[in-house]
Amino acid sequence: PLLPGTARLGFRGLNSLSASIKMECVQTFGRKKTAIAVSRWKKGRGLIKINGCPIELVQPEVLRYKVFEPILLLGRVKFAGVDIRIRVKGGGFTAHIYAIRQAIAKSLVAYYQKYVGEVQKKEIKDILVNYDRTLVGADPRRCEPKKFGGRAARARFQKSYRSTICDCGTDIPFALDRELLECWLTGHCISVGQTK
């Protein structure tokens, strides 16, 4: 059956008309450290795919339960009438998992806000936030950059209190062997003295 007023439009007219009818679609993202997951929701039959693979096969298997948390919290019924396609890149395995679960949770909240209603959206958001606030908001923690004077962000190189005394009386720590060599090469000291 044709829509009213479309009998004279022909094939092209119907295509442009169907394009003008918008499909319910939501796109959101989830982040963890350097991993970014982009999820796209549209009307469908309940498929959830991550980088083209079903959600049941997500790796690593140990963290698979983490991806299912939004679904288990809110019930599979809320996800029954939609297809979710998620693309994730950057970061490591664990960051991927946390970015995916955040993308799923945020997209459900956005879908309910846009197409269902503000009251239901608030109920869903409250359930998610009470369980884990990183499901709807990004985790701002990042790796602290390394500084000079040490091998890491906070760790410092070891300090030695033992030092060498030159004949000239200058105290030269073992860590600074270059100074000792320069002192000896310039003839400033003829021999190196005893150690403290």
Protein backbone atom coordinates (compact mmCIF):
# COMPACT_ATOMS: atom_id res chain seq x y z
CA PRO A 1 0.00 0.00 0.00
CA LEU A 2 1.20 3.46 -0.94
CA LEU A 3 1.28 6.42 1.35
CA PRO A 4 -1.38 9.07 0.67
CA GLY A 5 -0.28 11.47 -2.07
CA THR A 6 2.56 9.25 -3.37
CA ALA A 7 0.76 7.62 -6.33
CA ARG A 8 2.23 10.09 -8.85
CA LEU A 9 5.73 10.39 -7.32
CA GLY A 10 7.22 7.30 -8.96
CA PHE A 11 10.30 5.36 -7.74
CA ARG A 12 12.52 8.40 -7.16
CA GLY A 13 9.83 10.21 -5.26
CA LEU A 14 9.39 7.29 -2.86
CA ASN A 15 13.14 7.11 -2.15
CA SER A 16 13.35 10.78 -1.28
CA LEU A 17 10.23 10.43 0.89
CA SER A 18 11.67 7.47 2.81
CA ALA A 19 14.94 9.36 3.31
CA SER A 20 13.03 12.24 4.84
CA ILE A 21 11.47 9.88 7.44
CA LYS A 22 14.21 9.74 10.06
CA MET A 23 15.26 6.50 11.68
CA GLU A 24 15.72 6.56 15.45
CA CYS A 25 19.48 6.59 15.84
CA VAL A 26 21.90 7.62 18.62
CA GLN A 27 25.69 7.82 18.53
CA THR A 28 27.78 8.18 21.70
CA PHE A 29 31.31 7.45 22.85
CA GLY A 30 33.05 6.00 25.88
CA ARG A 31 36.61 6.65 27.01
CA LYS A 32 39.19 5.09 29.28
CA LYS A 33 42.76 6.44 29.21
CA THR A 34 43.62 6.42 25.48
CA ALA A 35 40.91 3.93 24.39
CA ILE A 36 37.86 5.35 22.61
CA ALA A 37 34.69 3.33 21.88
CA VAL A 38 32.01 4.78 19.60
CA SER A 39 28.58 3.12 19.78
CA ARG A 40 25.77 3.56 17.27
CA TRP A 41 22.20 2.63 18.25
CA LYS A 42 19.40 2.08 15.77
CA LYS A 43 16.12 0.16 15.62
CA GLY A 44 16.75 -3.54 15.13
CA ARG A 45 16.42 -6.98 16.65
CA GLY A 46 18.78 -6.86 19.65
CA LEU A 47 22.22 -7.39 18.07
CA ILE A 48 25.23 -6.06 19.97
CA LYS A 49 28.49 -6.17 18.00
CA ILE A 50 31.96 -4.92 18.94
CA ASN A 51 34.31 -4.36 16.00
CA GLY A 52 32.10 -6.74 14.00
CA CYS A 53 32.10 -9.59 16.59
CA PRO A 54 29.20 -10.50 18.91
CA ILE A 55 29.44 -9.19 22.48
CA GLU A 56 29.50 -12.79 23.77
CA LEU A 57 32.96 -13.29 22.20
CA VAL A 58 34.67 -10.17 23.56
CA GLN A 59 38.24 -10.72 24.78
CA PRO A 60 39.76 -11.04 27.37
CA GLU A 61 37.29 -13.57 28.76
CA VAL A 62 38.09 -12.61 32.38
CA LEU A 63 36.70 -9.08 31.81
CA ARG A 64 33.71 -10.15 29.68
CA TYR A 65 31.37 -9.74 32.68
CA LYS A 66 32.36 -6.04 32.85
CA VAL A 67 30.96 -5.42 29.35
CA PHE A 68 27.65 -7.03 30.31
CA GLU A 69 27.21 -4.87 33.46
CA PRO A 70 24.92 -2.22 31.87
CA ILE A 71 22.81 -4.98 30.28
CA LEU A 72 22.56 -6.99 33.51
CA LEU A 73 21.75 -3.90 35.60
CA LEU A 74 18.91 -2.66 33.39
CA GLY A 75 17.64 -5.94 31.93
CA ARG A 76 17.88 -7.39 28.43
CA VAL A 77 14.37 -6.05 27.64
CA LYS A 78 15.67 -2.48 27.30
CA PHE A 79 18.14 -3.68 24.62
CA ALA A 80 15.72 -5.97 22.75
CA GLY A 81 14.47 -3.58 20.06
CA VAL A 82 17.80 -2.00 19.11
CA ASP A 83 21.00 -2.93 17.28
CA ILE A 84 24.23 -1.65 18.80
CA ARG A 85 27.42 -1.46 16.77
CA ILE A 86 30.56 -0.46 18.66
CA ARG A 87 33.95 0.47 17.22
CA VAL A 88 36.83 0.62 19.69
CA LYS A 89 40.47 1.57 19.19
CA GLY A 90 43.47 2.80 21.16
CA GLY A 91 44.67 1.74 24.61
CA GLY A 92 44.99 -1.79 25.96
CA PHE A 93 42.63 -4.70 26.61
CA THR A 94 41.32 -3.43 29.95
CA ALA A 95 40.86 0.13 28.68
CA HIS A 96 38.88 -1.28 25.70
CA ILE A 97 36.50 -3.10 28.04
CA TYR A 98 35.86 -0.03 30.22
CA ALA A 99 35.38 2.21 27.17
CA ILE A 100 32.88 -0.26 25.65
CA ARG A 101 30.76 -0.53 28.81
CA GLN A 102 30.69 3.25 29.14
CA ALA A 103 29.64 3.65 25.49
CA ILE A 104 26.78 1.16 25.93
CA ALA A 105 25.52 2.84 29.11
CA LYS A 106 25.78 6.38 27.73
CA SER A 107 24.03 5.46 24.49
CA LEU A 108 21.10 3.91 26.39
CA VAL A 109 20.74 7.10 28.46
CA ALA A 110 20.94 9.26 25.30
CA TYR A 111 18.39 7.06 23.48
CA TYR A 112 15.88 7.35 26.33
CA GLN A 113 16.43 11.09 26.58
CA LYS A 114 15.95 11.64 22.85
CA TYR A 115 13.14 9.22 21.99
CA VAL A 116 11.39 7.93 25.14
CA GLY A 117 11.21 10.49 27.94
CA GLU A 118 13.11 12.44 30.56
CA VAL A 119 11.60 10.55 33.53
CA GLN A 120 12.67 7.10 32.28
CA LYS A 121 16.07 8.50 31.33
CA LYS A 122 16.58 9.81 34.88
CA GLU A 123 15.60 6.43 36.38
CA ILE A 124 18.13 4.61 34.17
CA LYS A 125 20.87 7.13 34.85
CA ASP A 126 20.32 6.89 38.63
CA ILE A 127 20.61 3.08 38.51
CA LEU A 128 23.86 3.29 36.54
CA VAL A 129 25.41 6.03 38.70
CA ASN A 130 24.52 4.22 41.94
CA TYR A 131 26.29 1.11 40.67
CA ASP A 132 29.39 2.78 39.16
CA ARG A 133 29.68 6.46 38.24
CA THR A 134 32.24 5.72 35.47
CA LEU A 135 29.41 4.10 33.47
CA VAL A 136 28.02 7.53 32.51
CA GLY A 137 31.03 9.80 33.10
CA ALA A 138 34.65 9.59 32.01
CA ASP A 139 37.44 8.61 34.40
CA PRO A 140 39.85 11.58 34.43
CA ARG A 141 42.87 9.65 35.79
CA ARG A 142 45.90 9.55 33.51
CA CYS A 143 49.45 8.19 33.73
CA GLU A 144 51.75 10.72 35.38
CA PRO A 145 54.69 11.72 33.15
CA LYS A 146 58.26 10.80 34.03
CA LYS A 147 60.54 13.51 35.47
CA PHE A 148 64.31 13.96 35.33
CA GLY A 149 66.40 12.78 38.29
CA GLY A 150 64.68 9.40 38.45
CA ARG A 151 63.48 6.40 36.47
CA ALA A 152 59.73 7.12 36.84
CA ALA A 153 57.20 9.80 37.81
CA ARG A 154 57.96 9.72 41.54
CA ALA A 155 60.90 7.29 41.93
CA ARG A 156 64.33 8.96 42.28
CA PHE A 157 67.77 7.61 41.55
CA GLN A 158 69.61 6.20 44.57
CA LYS A 159 71.77 8.64 46.55
CA SER A 160 75.15 7.53 47.92
CA TYR A 161 76.74 9.06 51.02
CA ARG A 162 80.12 7.41 50.37
CA SER A 163 82.59 9.71 48.60
CA THR A 164 86.26 9.93 47.58
CA ILE A 165 88.69 12.61 48.85
CA CYS A 166 91.31 14.01 46.46
CA ASP A 167 94.73 15.19 47.66
CA CYS A 168 93.49 18.72 47.08
CA GLY A 169 90.84 18.12 49.77
CA THR A 170 87.75 18.21 47.55
CA ASP A 171 85.01 15.71 48.32
CA ILE A 172 83.91 13.82 45.19
CA PRO A 173 80.95 11.38 45.42
CA PHE A 174 81.22 8.00 43.69
CA ALA A 175 78.26 8.94 41.51
CA LEU A 176 80.37 11.68 39.89
CA ASP A 177 83.37 9.71 38.62
CA ARG A 178 83.78 12.19 35.76
CA GLU A 179 84.77 14.96 38.18
CA LEU A 180 87.35 12.66 39.76
CA LEU A 181 88.81 11.84 36.34
CA GLU A 182 88.94 15.52 35.32
CA CYS A 183 90.64 16.42 38.60
CA TRP A 184 93.28 13.72 38.07
CA LEU A 185 93.82 14.50 34.34
CA THR A 186 94.38 18.20 34.89
CA GLY A 187 97.12 17.39 37.37
CA HIS A 188 95.25 19.15 40.11
CA CYS A 189 95.76 16.08 42.28
CA ILE A 190 98.55 13.60 41.74
CA SER A 191 96.86 10.71 43.50
CA VAL A 192 93.43 9.93 44.80
CA GLY A 193 93.17 9.79 48.56
CA GLN A 194 91.39 7.36 50.81
CA THR A 195 87.63 6.87 50.95
CA LYS A 196 85.52 7.95 53.91
